[in-house]
Amino acid sequence: MELSKEAILNKTHYGLNIYAHVLKQYYPGTVLSLSGRDCQPALNPFNNDKSTLLISIENNLAVHKDAELSDFNGNVFDFATLHYKLQEQDLIAKLNEELHLHLGEEYSFYNRGNIIVRPEVKEPAQLPLPCFSYFLAPIKNTIPEKAVTLIDVYKIIRSDKFAKQTISLRSINDKKAAKDYKAAHFDYVTFSGIFSKRADNALQKHSGLLTVDLDHISNAGEWVDRLLQDEYFETELLFVSPSGDGLKWIIPIDTTKATHSVYFKSISNYLQLTYSLQLDTSGSDCSRACFLPHDPNIYINPKYL
């Protein structure tokens, strides 16, 4: 992809990531919370650190204004110019470098779903594996059996462990009967962490993972490709839900920069704005249970293999 303003916008969620990156230089830990097409007011380093900076998306471009300063307005590139003191191609090159966008570089492709793998980035020999709690069926059992990793769950879902249950569930037409069957016959995990029991207040350690439930979607195969190629979030695990009409998308978050619930809200807004997908708000709980189905085509981030 060539180095241009359009390419920069495509890789930075219309420029919102640029605003967030610049603001973090002044206020570490800054997270922009998008609601619809408007962000909540943020601190403005160019107005005495007042919470007057208003950022929104207009015509697929992130723009700003100040609640106090009538002449302080413009788009994301104008804002970046104030910080970097650069313009045009020099500014674009600087943003490409600082945000690690890798525009204009040669890519090689992993052989599934055209996943971009940048050969110049060398992963450590052994990556720390996120750990989380595993629970035996039924869902009423809220005491974990053990702690497991992404690779453990990947192997379980690929295996035939829950193949019969998955086939049986998908043959049940009555919604309540199907829900009751799933609750009684499938083991489950809490991807977001290790718990002493399944409750938000019993979290012992967050895993750095968040589960996105995409329910009742058509053309699941097409959505798999789109999510794997998403330029904003990296996919750690992706598989078809037990019912067969949805996807479970496991992505990484950094809980040192924002809470689990803040991330969920921001991701919900992002998916609605980018893909017109509406998430169930009940998924915001960090102790959210995720049933383990049979999916021989489950995807795991190749860095773990």
C-alpha atoms as a PDB file:
ATOM      1  CA  MET A   1       0.000   0.000   0.000  1.00  0.00           C
ATOM      2  CA  GLU A   2       1.422   3.381  -0.988  1.00  0.00           C
ATOM      3  CA  LEU A   3       2.269   6.091   1.520  1.00  0.00           C
ATOM      4  CA  SER A   4      -0.565   8.624   1.373  1.00  0.00           C
ATOM      5  CA  LYS A   5      -3.109  10.357   3.590  1.00  0.00           C
ATOM      6  CA  GLU A   6      -5.808   7.951   2.398  1.00  0.00           C
ATOM      7  CA  ALA A   7      -3.652   4.953   3.287  1.00  0.00           C
ATOM      8  CA  ILE A   8      -2.910   6.443   6.706  1.00  0.00           C
ATOM      9  CA  LEU A   9      -6.631   6.947   7.381  1.00  0.00           C
ATOM     10  CA  ASN A  10      -7.427   3.379   6.314  1.00  0.00           C
ATOM     11  CA  LYS A  11      -4.924   2.025   8.832  1.00  0.00           C
ATOM     12  CA  THR A  12      -5.869   4.293  11.744  1.00  0.00           C
ATOM     13  CA  HIS A  13      -9.683   4.067  11.984  1.00  0.00           C
ATOM     14  CA  TYR A  14     -10.235   7.297  10.026  1.00  0.00           C
ATOM     15  CA  GLY A  15      -7.436   8.955  12.018  1.00  0.00           C
ATOM     16  CA  LEU A  16      -8.723   8.282  15.545  1.00  0.00           C
ATOM     17  CA  ASN A  17      -5.608   6.266  16.336  1.00  0.00           C
ATOM     18  CA  ILE A  18      -3.487   9.277  15.422  1.00  0.00           C
ATOM     19  CA  TYR A  19      -5.348  11.494  17.872  1.00  0.00           C
ATOM     20  CA  ALA A  20      -4.952   8.836  20.560  1.00  0.00           C
ATOM     21  CA  HIS A  21      -1.228   8.447  19.818  1.00  0.00           C
ATOM     22  CA  VAL A  22      -0.520  12.177  19.946  1.00  0.00           C
ATOM     23  CA  LEU A  23      -2.552  12.657  23.124  1.00  0.00           C
ATOM     24  CA  LYS A  24      -0.667   9.806  24.805  1.00  0.00           C
ATOM     25  CA  GLN A  25       2.536  11.826  24.371  1.00  0.00           C
ATOM     26  CA  TYR A  26       1.015  14.391  26.743  1.00  0.00           C
ATOM     27  CA  TYR A  27      -1.286  12.194  28.830  1.00  0.00           C
ATOM     28  CA  PRO A  28      -0.095   8.548  29.036  1.00  0.00           C
ATOM     29  CA  GLY A  29      -2.962   6.087  29.245  1.00  0.00           C
ATOM     30  CA  THR A  30      -5.317   8.162  27.108  1.00  0.00           C
ATOM     31  CA  VAL A  31      -8.168   6.121  25.602  1.00  0.00           C
ATOM     32  CA  LEU A  32     -10.628   7.728  23.211  1.00  0.00           C
ATOM     33  CA  SER A  33     -14.164   6.485  23.835  1.00  0.00           C
ATOM     34  CA  LEU A  34     -16.265   6.671  20.679  1.00  0.00           C
ATOM     35  CA  SER A  35     -20.057   6.850  20.905  1.00  0.00           C
ATOM     36  CA  GLY A  36     -21.658   6.855  17.467  1.00  0.00           C
ATOM     37  CA  ARG A  37     -19.444   9.279  15.554  1.00  0.00           C
ATOM     38  CA  ASP A  38     -18.378  11.452  18.508  1.00  0.00           C
ATOM     39  CA  CYS A  39     -15.714  10.897  21.156  1.00  0.00           C
ATOM     40  CA  GLN A  40     -16.102  11.965  24.738  1.00  0.00           C
ATOM     41  CA  PRO A  41     -14.331  15.291  25.497  1.00  0.00           C
ATOM     42  CA  ALA A  42     -10.579  14.879  25.902  1.00  0.00           C
ATOM     43  CA  LEU A  43      -7.806  16.973  27.403  1.00  0.00           C
ATOM     44  CA  ASN A  44      -6.405  19.509  24.950  1.00  0.00           C
ATOM     45  CA  PRO A  45      -2.636  20.069  25.233  1.00  0.00           C
ATOM     46  CA  PHE A  46      -3.047  23.185  23.096  1.00  0.00           C
ATOM     47  CA  ASN A  47      -5.589  24.761  25.466  1.00  0.00           C
ATOM     48  CA  ASN A  48      -3.916  24.577  28.866  1.00  0.00           C
ATOM     49  CA  ASP A  49      -4.789  20.885  29.320  1.00  0.00           C
ATOM     50  CA  LYS A  50      -8.496  21.623  29.604  1.00  0.00           C
ATOM     51  CA  SER A  51     -11.029  18.884  28.852  1.00  0.00           C
ATOM     52  CA  THR A  52     -12.363  20.790  25.853  1.00  0.00           C
ATOM     53  CA  LEU A  53     -11.101  18.782  22.882  1.00  0.00           C
ATOM     54  CA  LEU A  54     -13.999  17.418  20.832  1.00  0.00           C
ATOM     55  CA  ILE A  55     -13.158  14.730  18.271  1.00  0.00           C
ATOM     56  CA  SER A  56     -15.619  13.224  15.825  1.00  0.00           C
ATOM     57  CA  ILE A  57     -15.780  11.456  12.471  1.00  0.00           C
ATOM     58  CA  GLU A  58     -17.160  13.342   9.489  1.00  0.00           C
ATOM     59  CA  ASN A  59     -17.190  11.880   5.968  1.00  0.00           C
ATOM     60  CA  ASN A  60     -14.768   9.101   6.999  1.00  0.00           C
ATOM     61  CA  LEU A  61     -12.271  11.601   8.424  1.00  0.00           C
ATOM     62  CA  ALA A  62     -11.514  12.304  12.088  1.00  0.00           C
ATOM     63  CA  VAL A  63     -11.801  16.026  12.870  1.00  0.00           C
ATOM     64  CA  HIS A  64     -11.587  18.195  15.979  1.00  0.00           C
ATOM     65  CA  LYS A  65     -12.656  21.441  17.551  1.00  0.00           C
ATOM     66  CA  ASP A  66     -12.349  23.046  20.967  1.00  0.00           C
ATOM     67  CA  ALA A  67     -15.338  23.850  23.181  1.00  0.00           C
ATOM     68  CA  GLU A  68     -13.727  27.177  24.161  1.00  0.00           C
ATOM     69  CA  LEU A  69     -11.503  28.237  21.265  1.00  0.00           C
ATOM     70  CA  SER A  70     -13.565  29.181  18.218  1.00  0.00           C
ATOM     71  CA  ASP A  71     -10.530  29.186  15.895  1.00  0.00           C
ATOM     72  CA  PHE A  72      -9.193  25.810  17.054  1.00  0.00           C
ATOM     73  CA  ASN A  73     -10.542  23.301  14.544  1.00  0.00           C
ATOM     74  CA  GLY A  74      -9.361  21.091  11.713  1.00  0.00           C
ATOM     75  CA  ASN A  75      -8.729  17.470  10.805  1.00  0.00           C
ATOM     76  CA  VAL A  76      -6.404  14.867  12.246  1.00  0.00           C
ATOM     77  CA  PHE A  77      -3.469  15.896  10.060  1.00  0.00           C
ATOM     78  CA  ASP A  78      -3.794  19.515  11.237  1.00  0.00           C
ATOM     79  CA  PHE A  79      -3.726  18.249  14.833  1.00  0.00           C
ATOM     80  CA  ALA A  80      -0.661  16.084  14.171  1.00  0.00           C
ATOM     81  CA  THR A  81       1.093  19.074  12.585  1.00  0.00           C
ATOM     82  CA  LEU A  82       0.682  21.022  15.825  1.00  0.00           C
ATOM     83  CA  HIS A  83       2.568  18.299  17.671  1.00  0.00           C
ATOM     84  CA  TYR A  84       5.209  17.197  15.168  1.00  0.00           C
ATOM     85  CA  LYS A  85       5.754  20.560  13.432  1.00  0.00           C
ATOM     86  CA  LEU A  86       5.775  18.700  10.121  1.00  0.00           C
ATOM     87  CA  GLN A  87       3.582  18.895   7.027  1.00  0.00           C
ATOM     88  CA  GLU A  88       2.564  16.889   3.969  1.00  0.00           C
ATOM     89  CA  GLN A  89       4.912  13.992   3.093  1.00  0.00           C
ATOM     90  CA  ASP A  90       7.214  14.603   6.050  1.00  0.00           C
ATOM     91  CA  LEU A  91       4.217  14.329   8.372  1.00  0.00           C
ATOM     92  CA  ILE A  92       2.877  11.238   6.627  1.00  0.00           C
ATOM     93  CA  ALA A  93       6.271   9.541   6.854  1.00  0.00           C
ATOM     94  CA  LYS A  94       6.499  10.400  10.561  1.00  0.00           C
ATOM     95  CA  LEU A  95       3.043   8.973  11.293  1.00  0.00           C
ATOM     96  CA  ASN A  96       3.835   5.813   9.346  1.00  0.00           C
ATOM     97  CA  GLU A  97       6.972   5.349  11.434  1.00  0.00           C
ATOM     98  CA  GLU A  98       5.583   6.208  14.885  1.00  0.00           C
ATOM     99  CA  LEU A  99       2.358   4.232  14.559  1.00  0.00           C
ATOM    100  CA  HIS A 100       4.186   1.240  13.026  1.00  0.00           C
ATOM    101  CA  LEU A 101       1.807   1.149  10.043  1.00  0.00           C
ATOM    102  CA  HIS A 102       4.406  -0.448   7.705  1.00  0.00           C
ATOM    103  CA  LEU A 103       2.951   1.299   4.656  1.00  0.00           C
ATOM    104  CA  GLY A 104       5.063   0.979   1.537  1.00  0.00           C
ATOM    105  CA  GLU A 105       6.775  -2.201   2.781  1.00  0.00           C
ATOM    106  CA  GLU A 106       6.736  -5.597   1.137  1.00  0.00           C
ATOM    107  CA  TYR A 107       4.502  -8.146   2.849  1.00  0.00           C
ATOM    108  CA  SER A 108       4.455 -11.891   2.759  1.00  0.00           C
ATOM    109  CA  PHE A 109       1.227 -13.741   3.471  1.00  0.00           C
ATOM    110  CA  TYR A 110       0.372 -16.560   5.828  1.00  0.00           C
ATOM    111  CA  ASN A 111      -1.445 -19.265   3.887  1.00  0.00           C
ATOM    112  CA  ARG A 112      -4.815 -18.829   5.576  1.00  0.00           C
ATOM    113  CA  GLY A 113      -7.105 -15.868   4.917  1.00  0.00           C
ATOM    114  CA  ASN A 114      -4.285 -13.672   3.579  1.00  0.00           C
ATOM    115  CA  ILE A 115      -3.085 -12.861   7.073  1.00  0.00           C
ATOM    116  CA  ILE A 116      -0.279 -10.351   6.830  1.00  0.00           C
ATOM    117  CA  VAL A 117       2.950 -11.531   8.429  1.00  0.00           C
ATOM    118  CA  ARG A 118       5.747  -8.988   8.446  1.00  0.00           C
ATOM    119  CA  PRO A 119       9.000 -10.947   8.091  1.00  0.00           C
ATOM    120  CA  GLU A 120      11.093  -8.153   9.555  1.00  0.00           C
ATOM    121  CA  VAL A 121       9.363  -8.593  12.930  1.00  0.00           C
ATOM    122  CA  LYS A 122      10.891 -11.461  14.871  1.00  0.00           C
ATOM    123  CA  GLU A 123       8.744 -12.955  17.590  1.00  0.00           C
ATOM    124  CA  PRO A 124      10.489 -14.221  20.730  1.00  0.00           C
ATOM    125  CA  ALA A 125      11.191 -17.946  20.810  1.00  0.00           C
ATOM    126  CA  GLN A 126       8.596 -18.465  23.528  1.00  0.00           C
ATOM    127  CA  LEU A 127       5.591 -16.199  23.928  1.00  0.00           C
ATOM    128  CA  PRO A 128       3.817 -15.963  27.270  1.00  0.00           C
ATOM    129  CA  LEU A 129       0.493 -17.708  26.829  1.00  0.00           C
ATOM    130  CA  PRO A 130      -2.629 -16.055  28.248  1.00  0.00           C
ATOM    131  CA  CYS A 131      -4.233 -18.242  30.935  1.00  0.00           C
ATOM    132  CA  PHE A 132      -7.875 -18.413  31.988  1.00  0.00           C
ATOM    133  CA  SER A 133     -10.331 -20.648  33.844  1.00  0.00           C
ATOM    134  CA  TYR A 134     -11.928 -23.840  32.508  1.00  0.00           C
ATOM    135  CA  PHE A 135     -15.292 -25.044  33.857  1.00  0.00           C
ATOM    136  CA  LEU A 136     -17.001 -28.415  33.505  1.00  0.00           C
ATOM    137  CA  ALA A 137     -20.633 -28.605  32.396  1.00  0.00           C
ATOM    138  CA  PRO A 138     -23.307 -27.706  33.366  1.00  0.00           C
ATOM    139  CA  ILE A 139     -23.320 -23.896  33.361  1.00  0.00           C
ATOM    140  CA  LYS A 140     -24.631 -23.956  36.962  1.00  0.00           C
ATOM    141  CA  ASN A 141     -21.170 -25.141  37.978  1.00  0.00           C
ATOM    142  CA  THR A 142     -19.377 -21.894  38.776  1.00  0.00           C
ATOM    143  CA  ILE A 143     -16.226 -23.359  40.335  1.00  0.00           C
ATOM    144  CA  PRO A 144     -13.367 -23.760  37.831  1.00  0.00           C
ATOM    145  CA  GLU A 145     -11.820 -27.145  37.148  1.00  0.00           C
ATOM    146  CA  LYS A 146      -8.401 -25.790  36.130  1.00  0.00           C
ATOM    147  CA  ALA A 147      -6.524 -23.043  34.279  1.00  0.00           C
ATOM    148  CA  VAL A 148      -5.892 -23.465  30.557  1.00  0.00           C
ATOM    149  CA  THR A 149      -4.209 -21.586  27.687  1.00  0.00           C
ATOM    150  CA  LEU A 150      -5.241 -20.588  24.169  1.00  0.00           C
ATOM    151  CA  ILE A 151      -3.421 -23.604  22.760  1.00  0.00           C
ATOM    152  CA  ASP A 152      -5.295 -25.925  25.144  1.00  0.00           C
ATOM    153  CA  VAL A 153      -8.660 -24.555  23.995  1.00  0.00           C
ATOM    154  CA  TYR A 154      -7.554 -24.593  20.356  1.00  0.00           C
ATOM    155  CA  LYS A 155      -6.791 -28.314  20.627  1.00  0.00           C
ATOM    156  CA  ILE A 156     -10.044 -29.091  22.433  1.00  0.00           C
ATOM    157  CA  ILE A 157     -12.213 -27.298  19.869  1.00  0.00           C
ATOM    158  CA  ARG A 158     -10.372 -28.913  16.954  1.00  0.00           C
ATOM    159  CA  SER A 159     -10.762 -32.352  18.486  1.00  0.00           C
ATOM    160  CA  ASP A 160     -13.929 -34.449  18.588  1.00  0.00           C
ATOM    161  CA  LYS A 161     -14.465 -33.818  22.317  1.00  0.00           C
ATOM    162  CA  PHE A 162     -17.667 -31.847  21.735  1.00  0.00           C
ATOM    163  CA  ALA A 163     -18.503 -33.027  18.207  1.00  0.00           C
ATOM    164  CA  LYS A 164     -21.582 -35.065  19.207  1.00  0.00           C
ATOM    165  CA  GLN A 165     -22.916 -32.298  21.443  1.00  0.00           C
ATOM    166  CA  THR A 166     -22.407 -29.710  18.694  1.00  0.00           C
ATOM    167  CA  ILE A 167     -24.269 -31.832  16.121  1.00  0.00           C
ATOM    168  CA  SER A 168     -27.102 -32.483  18.581  1.00  0.00           C
ATOM    169  CA  LEU A 169     -27.429 -28.807  19.521  1.00  0.00           C
ATOM    170  CA  ARG A 170     -27.668 -27.694  15.898  1.00  0.00           C
ATOM    171  CA  SER A 171     -30.467 -30.174  15.267  1.00  0.00           C
ATOM    172  CA  ILE A 172     -32.706 -28.637  17.954  1.00  0.00           C
ATOM    173  CA  ASN A 173     -35.151 -26.135  16.457  1.00  0.00           C
ATOM    174  CA  ASP A 174     -36.792 -24.885  19.662  1.00  0.00           C
ATOM    175  CA  LYS A 175     -34.743 -21.944  20.996  1.00  0.00           C
ATOM    176  CA  LYS A 176     -35.394 -22.613  24.679  1.00  0.00           C
ATOM    177  CA  ALA A 177     -34.662 -26.319  24.321  1.00  0.00           C
ATOM    178  CA  ALA A 178     -31.440 -25.499  22.472  1.00  0.00           C
ATOM    179  CA  LYS A 179     -30.396 -23.036  25.176  1.00  0.00           C
ATOM    180  CA  ASP A 180     -31.074 -25.575  27.921  1.00  0.00           C
ATOM    181  CA  TYR A 181     -29.173 -28.304  26.060  1.00  0.00           C
ATOM    182  CA  LYS A 182     -26.139 -26.056  25.561  1.00  0.00           C
ATOM    183  CA  ALA A 183     -26.111 -25.050  29.220  1.00  0.00           C
ATOM    184  CA  ALA A 184     -26.207 -28.690  30.322  1.00  0.00           C
ATOM    185  CA  HIS A 185     -23.790 -30.385  27.904  1.00  0.00           C
ATOM    186  CA  PHE A 186     -20.897 -28.047  27.046  1.00  0.00           C
ATOM    187  CA  ASP A 187     -17.834 -27.215  29.119  1.00  0.00           C
ATOM    188  CA  TYR A 188     -16.939 -23.543  29.064  1.00  0.00           C
ATOM    189  CA  VAL A 189     -14.139 -21.064  29.736  1.00  0.00           C
ATOM    190  CA  THR A 190     -13.809 -17.478  30.922  1.00  0.00           C
ATOM    191  CA  PHE A 191     -11.373 -16.163  28.317  1.00  0.00           C
ATOM    192  CA  SER A 192     -10.795 -12.892  30.176  1.00  0.00           C
ATOM    193  CA  GLY A 193      -9.082 -14.376  33.191  1.00  0.00           C
ATOM    194  CA  ILE A 194      -8.562 -16.745  36.061  1.00  0.00           C
ATOM    195  CA  PHE A 195     -11.376 -16.773  38.628  1.00  0.00           C
ATOM    196  CA  SER A 196     -11.891 -18.423  42.013  1.00  0.00           C
ATOM    197  CA  LYS A 197     -15.528 -18.735  40.885  1.00  0.00           C
ATOM    198  CA  ARG A 198     -17.422 -17.387  37.873  1.00  0.00           C
ATOM    199  CA  ALA A 199     -18.186 -13.861  39.032  1.00  0.00           C
ATOM    200  CA  ASP A 200     -16.663 -10.501  38.154  1.00  0.00           C
ATOM    201  CA  ASN A 201     -15.677  -9.866  41.769  1.00  0.00           C
ATOM    202  CA  ALA A 202     -13.847 -13.215  41.925  1.00  0.00           C
ATOM    203  CA  LEU A 203     -11.301 -12.323  39.231  1.00  0.00           C
ATOM    204  CA  GLN A 204      -7.794 -13.297  40.328  1.00  0.00           C
ATOM    205  CA  LYS A 205      -5.850 -12.301  37.212  1.00  0.00           C
ATOM    206  CA  HIS A 206      -6.983 -10.807  33.917  1.00  0.00           C
ATOM    207  CA  SER A 207      -5.703 -12.664  30.847  1.00  0.00           C
ATOM    208  CA  GLY A 208      -5.517  -9.635  28.564  1.00  0.00           C
ATOM    209  CA  LEU A 209      -8.183 -11.179  26.332  1.00  0.00           C
ATOM    210  CA  LEU A 210     -11.708 -10.100  25.450  1.00  0.00           C
ATOM    211  CA  THR A 211     -14.433 -12.239  23.853  1.00  0.00           C
ATOM    212  CA  VAL A 212     -16.545 -10.703  21.108  1.00  0.00           C
ATOM    213  CA  ASP A 213     -19.786 -12.617  20.467  1.00  0.00           C
ATOM    214  CA  LEU A 214     -21.056 -12.147  16.931  1.00  0.00           C
ATOM    215  CA  ASP A 215     -24.492 -13.779  17.006  1.00  0.00           C
ATOM    216  CA  HIS A 216     -26.907 -14.601  14.197  1.00  0.00           C
ATOM    217  CA  ILE A 217     -24.705 -13.628  11.267  1.00  0.00           C
ATOM    218  CA  SER A 218     -24.966 -14.934   7.732  1.00  0.00           C
ATOM    219  CA  ASN A 219     -22.001 -15.900   5.563  1.00  0.00           C
ATOM    220  CA  ALA A 220     -19.769 -16.760   8.516  1.00  0.00           C
ATOM    221  CA  GLY A 221     -16.897 -17.632   6.165  1.00  0.00           C
ATOM    222  CA  GLU A 222     -16.844 -14.111   4.761  1.00  0.00           C
ATOM    223  CA  TRP A 223     -16.847 -12.645   8.266  1.00  0.00           C
ATOM    224  CA  VAL A 224     -13.919 -14.856   9.237  1.00  0.00           C
ATOM    225  CA  ASP A 225     -11.853 -13.344   6.425  1.00  0.00           C
ATOM    226  CA  ARG A 226     -12.912  -9.787   7.303  1.00  0.00           C
ATOM    227  CA  LEU A 227     -12.099 -10.154  10.994  1.00  0.00           C
ATOM    228  CA  LEU A 228      -8.751 -11.805  10.341  1.00  0.00           C
ATOM    229  CA  GLN A 229      -7.827  -8.889   8.100  1.00  0.00           C
ATOM    230  CA  ASP A 230      -9.085  -6.214  10.484  1.00  0.00           C
ATOM    231  CA  GLU A 231      -6.444  -3.495  10.661  1.00  0.00           C
ATOM    232  CA  TYR A 232      -7.242  -2.375  14.201  1.00  0.00           C
ATOM    233  CA  PHE A 233      -7.488  -5.577  16.248  1.00  0.00           C
ATOM    234  CA  GLU A 234      -5.298  -8.681  16.168  1.00  0.00           C
ATOM    235  CA  THR A 235      -7.090 -12.026  16.272  1.00  0.00           C
ATOM    236  CA  GLU A 236      -5.900 -14.485  18.919  1.00  0.00           C
ATOM    237  CA  LEU A 237      -8.618 -17.122  18.408  1.00  0.00           C
ATOM    238  CA  LEU A 238     -11.636 -17.310  16.094  1.00  0.00           C
ATOM    239  CA  PHE A 239     -14.190 -20.098  15.844  1.00  0.00           C
ATOM    240  CA  VAL A 240     -17.821 -20.867  15.028  1.00  0.00           C
ATOM    241  CA  SER A 241     -20.190 -20.753  18.001  1.00  0.00           C
ATOM    242  CA  PRO A 242     -21.900 -23.929  19.268  1.00  0.00           C
ATOM    243  CA  SER A 243     -25.189 -22.935  17.604  1.00  0.00           C
ATOM    244  CA  GLY A 244     -23.463 -22.631  14.235  1.00  0.00           C
ATOM    245  CA  ASP A 245     -24.899 -19.193  13.413  1.00  0.00           C
ATOM    246  CA  GLY A 246     -22.300 -17.017  15.066  1.00  0.00           C
ATOM    247  CA  LEU A 247     -18.591 -16.463  15.701  1.00  0.00           C
ATOM    248  CA  LYS A 248     -16.452 -16.138  18.810  1.00  0.00           C
ATOM    249  CA  TRP A 249     -13.690 -13.581  18.218  1.00  0.00           C
ATOM    250  CA  ILE A 250     -10.985 -13.484  20.902  1.00  0.00           C
ATOM    251  CA  ILE A 251      -8.821 -10.355  20.788  1.00  0.00           C
ATOM    252  CA  PRO A 252      -6.121  -8.845  23.039  1.00  0.00           C
ATOM    253  CA  ILE A 253      -6.619  -5.791  25.245  1.00  0.00           C
ATOM    254  CA  ASP A 254      -4.300  -3.904  27.599  1.00  0.00           C
ATOM    255  CA  THR A 255      -5.969  -3.533  30.988  1.00  0.00           C
ATOM    256  CA  THR A 256      -3.148  -1.267  32.206  1.00  0.00           C
ATOM    257  CA  LYS A 257      -4.495   1.442  29.897  1.00  0.00           C
ATOM    258  CA  ALA A 258      -8.255   1.013  30.317  1.00  0.00           C
ATOM    259  CA  THR A 259     -10.714  -1.231  32.126  1.00  0.00           C
ATOM    260  CA  HIS A 260     -12.328  -4.294  30.601  1.00  0.00           C
ATOM    261  CA  SER A 261     -15.711  -2.552  30.390  1.00  0.00           C
ATOM    262  CA  VAL A 262     -14.250   0.545  28.715  1.00  0.00           C
ATOM    263  CA  TYR A 263     -12.576  -1.636  26.108  1.00  0.00           C
ATOM    264  CA  PHE A 264     -15.819  -3.521  25.492  1.00  0.00           C
ATOM    265  CA  LYS A 265     -17.754  -0.301  24.953  1.00  0.00           C
ATOM    266  CA  SER A 266     -15.102   1.091  22.601  1.00  0.00           C
ATOM    267  CA  ILE A 267     -14.922  -2.165  20.627  1.00  0.00           C
ATOM    268  CA  SER A 268     -18.722  -2.267  20.394  1.00  0.00           C
ATOM    269  CA  ASN A 269     -18.727   1.246  18.951  1.00  0.00           C
ATOM    270  CA  TYR A 270     -15.945   0.331  16.550  1.00  0.00           C
ATOM    271  CA  LEU A 271     -17.759  -2.756  15.240  1.00  0.00           C
ATOM    272  CA  GLN A 272     -21.001  -0.842  14.836  1.00  0.00           C
ATOM    273  CA  LEU A 273     -19.305   1.990  12.972  1.00  0.00           C
ATOM    274  CA  THR A 274     -17.014  -0.159  10.838  1.00  0.00           C
ATOM    275  CA  TYR A 275     -19.087  -3.276  10.161  1.00  0.00           C
ATOM    276  CA  SER A 276     -22.625  -2.298  11.246  1.00  0.00           C
ATOM    277  CA  LEU A 277     -22.490  -5.080  13.870  1.00  0.00           C
ATOM    278  CA  GLN A 278     -24.433  -4.725  17.110  1.00  0.00           C
ATOM    279  CA  LEU A 279     -23.010  -6.519  20.157  1.00  0.00           C
ATOM    280  CA  ASP A 280     -24.993  -7.892  23.074  1.00  0.00           C
ATOM    281  CA  THR A 281     -24.136  -5.640  26.035  1.00  0.00           C
ATOM    282  CA  SER A 282     -24.175  -8.635  28.397  1.00  0.00           C
ATOM    283  CA  GLY A 283     -20.791  -9.564  26.928  1.00  0.00           C
ATOM    284  CA  SER A 284     -19.204  -6.666  28.799  1.00  0.00           C
ATOM    285  CA  ASP A 285     -18.796  -8.818  31.938  1.00  0.00           C
ATOM    286  CA  CYS A 286     -15.219 -10.037  32.326  1.00  0.00           C
ATOM    287  CA  SER A 287     -16.541 -13.321  33.756  1.00  0.00           C
ATOM    288  CA  ARG A 288     -18.527 -13.974  30.573  1.00  0.00           C
ATOM    289  CA  ALA A 289     -18.801 -17.725  29.917  1.00  0.00           C
ATOM    290  CA  CYS A 290     -17.874 -19.062  26.493  1.00  0.00           C
ATOM    291  CA  PHE A 291     -19.027 -22.591  25.613  1.00  0.00           C
ATOM    292  CA  LEU A 292     -16.570 -24.813  23.755  1.00  0.00           C
ATOM    293  CA  PRO A 293     -17.971 -26.357  20.540  1.00  0.00           C
ATOM    294  CA  HIS A 294     -16.457 -28.521  17.822  1.00  0.00           C
ATOM    295  CA  ASP A 295     -14.856 -26.536  14.996  1.00  0.00           C
ATOM    296  CA  PRO A 296     -12.132 -28.317  13.013  1.00  0.00           C
ATOM    297  CA  ASN A 297     -11.381 -25.033  11.199  1.00  0.00           C
ATOM    298  CA  ILE A 298     -10.761 -22.951  14.316  1.00  0.00           C
ATOM    299  CA  TYR A 299      -8.135 -20.228  13.785  1.00  0.00           C
ATOM    300  CA  ILE A 300      -5.353 -19.478  16.245  1.00  0.00           C
ATOM    301  CA  ASN A 301      -2.808 -16.715  15.838  1.00  0.00           C
ATOM    302  CA  PRO A 302       0.229 -18.400  14.220  1.00  0.00           C
ATOM    303  CA  LYS A 303       2.570 -16.674  16.691  1.00  0.00           C
ATOM    304  CA  TYR A 304       1.474 -19.280  19.273  1.00  0.00           C
ATOM    305  CA  LEU A 305       2.392 -22.172  16.994  1.00  0.00           C
END
